[in-house]
Amino acid sequence: MERTLSIVKPDGVKKNVIGEVIKRFEANGLRPVAMKMMHLSKKDAEGFYAVHSERPFFNDLTDFMSSGPCLVMALEGPDAIKKNRELMGATNPAEADAGTIRADFADSIDNNVVHGSDAPETAAIEISYFFNAMEVCDRV
């Protein structure tokens, strides 16, 4: 069993696709074990994406992520990280496989509806950024 962080970004919330995103996760064996709606401050977004602070897109990314509410989730399931990334599709929706979340709902590489952890170590850090131990519920 593995855990990953997933975020329905501000553009996904604005498009009202939260339920569809969760439905796709659950239909593919990923169960939410923590969830909260939040509006990140610029500082919160900069902290979360600190690993990208030297990249040219950092300011635009953190502006976007603090532009409106998002839904933050910890998901659990076998190979959760890989499964989540498959369901999301390529970062650039023009390159995403048909039927993936980004192919179906994203507008651009910048407004791509969802975020997902890329490795177990990253997932642990990202989950703990948003949730304390009492907020993550084991599902039996």
C-alpha atoms as a PDB file:
ATOM      1  CA  MET A   1       0.000   0.000   0.000  1.00  0.00           C
ATOM      2  CA  GLU A   2       1.338   3.405  -0.953  1.00  0.00           C
ATOM      3  CA  ARG A   3       0.256   7.018  -0.464  1.00  0.00           C
ATOM      4  CA  THR A   4       0.503  10.038  -2.721  1.00  0.00           C
ATOM      5  CA  LEU A   5      -0.567  13.655  -2.632  1.00  0.00           C
ATOM      6  CA  SER A   6      -3.052  14.932  -5.180  1.00  0.00           C
ATOM      7  CA  ILE A   7      -4.232  18.493  -5.675  1.00  0.00           C
ATOM      8  CA  VAL A   8      -7.156  19.637  -7.765  1.00  0.00           C
ATOM      9  CA  LYS A   9      -5.688  22.994  -8.715  1.00  0.00           C
ATOM     10  CA  PRO A  10      -7.605  26.304  -8.855  1.00  0.00           C
ATOM     11  CA  ASP A  11      -8.534  25.806 -12.518  1.00  0.00           C
ATOM     12  CA  GLY A  12     -10.005  22.373 -11.766  1.00  0.00           C
ATOM     13  CA  VAL A  13     -12.013  23.762  -8.858  1.00  0.00           C
ATOM     14  CA  LYS A  14     -13.270  26.626 -11.044  1.00  0.00           C
ATOM     15  CA  LYS A  15     -14.336  24.128 -13.728  1.00  0.00           C
ATOM     16  CA  ASN A  16     -16.291  22.095 -11.134  1.00  0.00           C
ATOM     17  CA  VAL A  17     -14.505  18.827 -11.914  1.00  0.00           C
ATOM     18  CA  ILE A  18     -13.623  17.868  -8.314  1.00  0.00           C
ATOM     19  CA  GLY A  19     -16.192  15.063  -8.224  1.00  0.00           C
ATOM     20  CA  GLU A  20     -15.091  13.680 -11.582  1.00  0.00           C
ATOM     21  CA  VAL A  21     -11.436  13.661 -10.499  1.00  0.00           C
ATOM     22  CA  ILE A  22     -12.245  11.837  -7.246  1.00  0.00           C
ATOM     23  CA  LYS A  23     -14.511   9.414  -9.130  1.00  0.00           C
ATOM     24  CA  ARG A  24     -11.645   8.515 -11.465  1.00  0.00           C
ATOM     25  CA  PHE A  25      -9.284   7.943  -8.556  1.00  0.00           C
ATOM     26  CA  GLU A  26     -11.751   5.725  -6.701  1.00  0.00           C
ATOM     27  CA  ALA A  27     -12.675   3.779  -9.846  1.00  0.00           C
ATOM     28  CA  ASN A  28      -8.984   2.948 -10.235  1.00  0.00           C
ATOM     29  CA  GLY A  29      -8.273   1.769  -6.694  1.00  0.00           C
ATOM     30  CA  LEU A  30      -7.108   5.040  -5.110  1.00  0.00           C
ATOM     31  CA  ARG A  31      -8.920   5.924  -1.895  1.00  0.00           C
ATOM     32  CA  PRO A  32      -8.826   9.363  -0.256  1.00  0.00           C
ATOM     33  CA  VAL A  33      -7.397   9.113   3.275  1.00  0.00           C
ATOM     34  CA  ALA A  34      -7.257  12.889   3.870  1.00  0.00           C
ATOM     35  CA  MET A  35      -8.904  15.794   2.094  1.00  0.00           C
ATOM     36  CA  LYS A  36      -9.339  19.530   2.531  1.00  0.00           C
ATOM     37  CA  MET A  37     -10.357  22.530   0.497  1.00  0.00           C
ATOM     38  CA  MET A  38      -8.005  25.466   0.929  1.00  0.00           C
ATOM     39  CA  HIS A  39      -6.937  28.715  -0.650  1.00  0.00           C
ATOM     40  CA  LEU A  40      -3.146  28.812  -0.563  1.00  0.00           C
ATOM     41  CA  SER A  41      -1.456  32.100   0.158  1.00  0.00           C
ATOM     42  CA  LYS A  42       1.415  33.087  -2.118  1.00  0.00           C
ATOM     43  CA  LYS A  43       3.774  32.193   0.754  1.00  0.00           C
ATOM     44  CA  ASP A  44       2.142  28.747   1.169  1.00  0.00           C
ATOM     45  CA  ALA A  45       2.477  28.074  -2.562  1.00  0.00           C
ATOM     46  CA  GLU A  46       6.120  29.200  -2.524  1.00  0.00           C
ATOM     47  CA  GLY A  47       6.806  26.858   0.402  1.00  0.00           C
ATOM     48  CA  PHE A  48       5.143  23.907  -1.272  1.00  0.00           C
ATOM     49  CA  TYR A  49       6.942  24.468  -4.586  1.00  0.00           C
ATOM     50  CA  ALA A  50      10.270  25.549  -3.011  1.00  0.00           C
ATOM     51  CA  VAL A  51      12.063  22.793  -4.941  1.00  0.00           C
ATOM     52  CA  HIS A  52      11.324  24.812  -8.096  1.00  0.00           C
ATOM     53  CA  SER A  53      12.330  28.207  -6.673  1.00  0.00           C
ATOM     54  CA  GLU A  54      15.206  28.688  -9.141  1.00  0.00           C
ATOM     55  CA  ARG A  55      13.150  27.689 -12.179  1.00  0.00           C
ATOM     56  CA  PRO A  56      11.870  30.398 -14.546  1.00  0.00           C
ATOM     57  CA  PHE A  57       8.230  29.317 -14.088  1.00  0.00           C
ATOM     58  CA  PHE A  58       8.274  29.522 -10.255  1.00  0.00           C
ATOM     59  CA  ASN A  59       6.594  32.925  -9.915  1.00  0.00           C
ATOM     60  CA  ASP A  60       3.854  32.127 -12.433  1.00  0.00           C
ATOM     61  CA  LEU A  61       3.267  28.734 -10.788  1.00  0.00           C
ATOM     62  CA  THR A  62       2.947  30.147  -7.286  1.00  0.00           C
ATOM     63  CA  ASP A  63       0.738  33.002  -8.527  1.00  0.00           C
ATOM     64  CA  PHE A  64      -1.532  30.433 -10.184  1.00  0.00           C
ATOM     65  CA  MET A  65      -1.627  28.101  -7.188  1.00  0.00           C
ATOM     66  CA  SER A  66      -2.598  31.006  -4.914  1.00  0.00           C
ATOM     67  CA  SER A  67      -5.195  32.388  -7.354  1.00  0.00           C
ATOM     68  CA  GLY A  68      -8.145  30.454  -5.957  1.00  0.00           C
ATOM     69  CA  PRO A  69      -9.196  27.498  -3.826  1.00  0.00           C
ATOM     70  CA  CYS A  70      -7.843  24.013  -4.440  1.00  0.00           C
ATOM     71  CA  LEU A  71      -8.658  20.573  -3.069  1.00  0.00           C
ATOM     72  CA  VAL A  72      -5.731  18.804  -1.434  1.00  0.00           C
ATOM     73  CA  MET A  73      -5.927  15.023  -0.949  1.00  0.00           C
ATOM     74  CA  ALA A  74      -3.809  12.182   0.287  1.00  0.00           C
ATOM     75  CA  LEU A  75      -4.639   9.067  -1.715  1.00  0.00           C
ATOM     76  CA  GLU A  76      -3.853   5.463  -0.810  1.00  0.00           C
ATOM     77  CA  GLY A  77      -3.657   2.328  -2.907  1.00  0.00           C
ATOM     78  CA  PRO A  78      -1.342  -0.195  -4.528  1.00  0.00           C
ATOM     79  CA  ASP A  79       1.279   1.712  -6.559  1.00  0.00           C
ATOM     80  CA  ALA A  80      -0.621   4.934  -5.750  1.00  0.00           C
ATOM     81  CA  ILE A  81       2.043   7.264  -7.131  1.00  0.00           C
ATOM     82  CA  LYS A  82       2.298   5.523 -10.491  1.00  0.00           C
ATOM     83  CA  LYS A  83      -1.469   5.051 -10.769  1.00  0.00           C
ATOM     84  CA  ASN A  84      -2.150   8.714  -9.925  1.00  0.00           C
ATOM     85  CA  ARG A  85       0.361   9.908 -12.520  1.00  0.00           C
ATOM     86  CA  GLU A  86      -1.163   7.620 -15.162  1.00  0.00           C
ATOM     87  CA  LEU A  87      -4.648   8.942 -14.414  1.00  0.00           C
ATOM     88  CA  MET A  88      -3.451  12.562 -14.522  1.00  0.00           C
ATOM     89  CA  GLY A  89      -1.683  12.216 -17.873  1.00  0.00           C
ATOM     90  CA  ALA A  90       1.262  14.214 -19.190  1.00  0.00           C
ATOM     91  CA  THR A  91       1.871  17.674 -17.711  1.00  0.00           C
ATOM     92  CA  ASN A  92       1.208  19.177 -21.126  1.00  0.00           C
ATOM     93  CA  PRO A  93      -2.411  18.261 -21.922  1.00  0.00           C
ATOM     94  CA  ALA A  94      -1.615  18.314 -25.647  1.00  0.00           C
ATOM     95  CA  GLU A  95       0.662  15.323 -24.983  1.00  0.00           C
ATOM     96  CA  ALA A  96      -1.635  13.559 -22.486  1.00  0.00           C
ATOM     97  CA  ASP A  97      -3.236  10.263 -23.449  1.00  0.00           C
ATOM     98  CA  ALA A  98      -6.940  10.369 -24.303  1.00  0.00           C
ATOM     99  CA  GLY A  99      -9.117   9.748 -21.268  1.00  0.00           C
ATOM    100  CA  THR A 100      -6.641  11.136 -18.739  1.00  0.00           C
ATOM    101  CA  ILE A 101      -7.647  13.972 -16.424  1.00  0.00           C
ATOM    102  CA  ARG A 102      -5.388  16.491 -18.147  1.00  0.00           C
ATOM    103  CA  ALA A 103      -6.433  15.456 -21.661  1.00  0.00           C
ATOM    104  CA  ASP A 104     -10.086  15.828 -20.692  1.00  0.00           C
ATOM    105  CA  PHE A 105      -9.996  18.976 -18.537  1.00  0.00           C
ATOM    106  CA  ALA A 106      -6.709  20.919 -18.760  1.00  0.00           C
ATOM    107  CA  ASP A 107      -6.253  24.012 -20.912  1.00  0.00           C
ATOM    108  CA  SER A 108      -2.470  24.303 -20.993  1.00  0.00           C
ATOM    109  CA  ILE A 109       0.807  23.152 -19.491  1.00  0.00           C
ATOM    110  CA  ASP A 110       0.361  25.904 -16.867  1.00  0.00           C
ATOM    111  CA  ASN A 111      -3.345  25.333 -16.161  1.00  0.00           C
ATOM    112  CA  ASN A 112      -3.314  21.565 -15.992  1.00  0.00           C
ATOM    113  CA  VAL A 113      -5.990  20.865 -13.339  1.00  0.00           C
ATOM    114  CA  VAL A 114      -4.085  18.462 -11.059  1.00  0.00           C
ATOM    115  CA  HIS A 115      -0.832  17.873  -9.195  1.00  0.00           C
ATOM    116  CA  GLY A 116       0.525  14.510  -8.083  1.00  0.00           C
ATOM    117  CA  SER A 117       3.614  13.413  -6.198  1.00  0.00           C
ATOM    118  CA  ASP A 118       6.419  11.945  -8.288  1.00  0.00           C
ATOM    119  CA  ALA A 119       8.145   9.615  -5.790  1.00  0.00           C
ATOM    120  CA  PRO A 120       7.576   8.048  -2.353  1.00  0.00           C
ATOM    121  CA  GLU A 121       9.944  10.506  -0.655  1.00  0.00           C
ATOM    122  CA  THR A 122       8.243  13.460  -2.317  1.00  0.00           C
ATOM    123  CA  ALA A 123       4.803  12.105  -1.416  1.00  0.00           C
ATOM    124  CA  ALA A 124       5.727  11.860   2.271  1.00  0.00           C
ATOM    125  CA  ILE A 125       7.012  15.444   2.312  1.00  0.00           C
ATOM    126  CA  GLU A 126       4.049  16.778   0.360  1.00  0.00           C
ATOM    127  CA  ILE A 127       1.438  14.983   2.469  1.00  0.00           C
ATOM    128  CA  SER A 128       3.037  16.267   5.675  1.00  0.00           C
ATOM    129  CA  TYR A 129       3.064  19.812   4.234  1.00  0.00           C
ATOM    130  CA  PHE A 130      -0.743  19.833   4.241  1.00  0.00           C
ATOM    131  CA  PHE A 131      -1.837  17.210   6.785  1.00  0.00           C
ATOM    132  CA  ASN A 132      -0.845  16.263  10.317  1.00  0.00           C
ATOM    133  CA  ALA A 133      -0.928  12.621  11.418  1.00  0.00           C
ATOM    134  CA  MET A 134      -4.420  12.952  12.961  1.00  0.00           C
ATOM    135  CA  GLU A 135      -5.859  14.180   9.657  1.00  0.00           C
ATOM    136  CA  VAL A 136      -4.760  11.126   7.664  1.00  0.00           C
ATOM    137  CA  CYS A 137      -7.185   8.265   8.276  1.00  0.00           C
ATOM    138  CA  ASP A 138      -6.228   4.675   7.597  1.00  0.00           C
ATOM    139  CA  ARG A 139      -8.875   2.868   5.558  1.00  0.00           C
ATOM    140  CA  VAL A 140      -9.278  -0.803   6.209  1.00  0.00           C
END
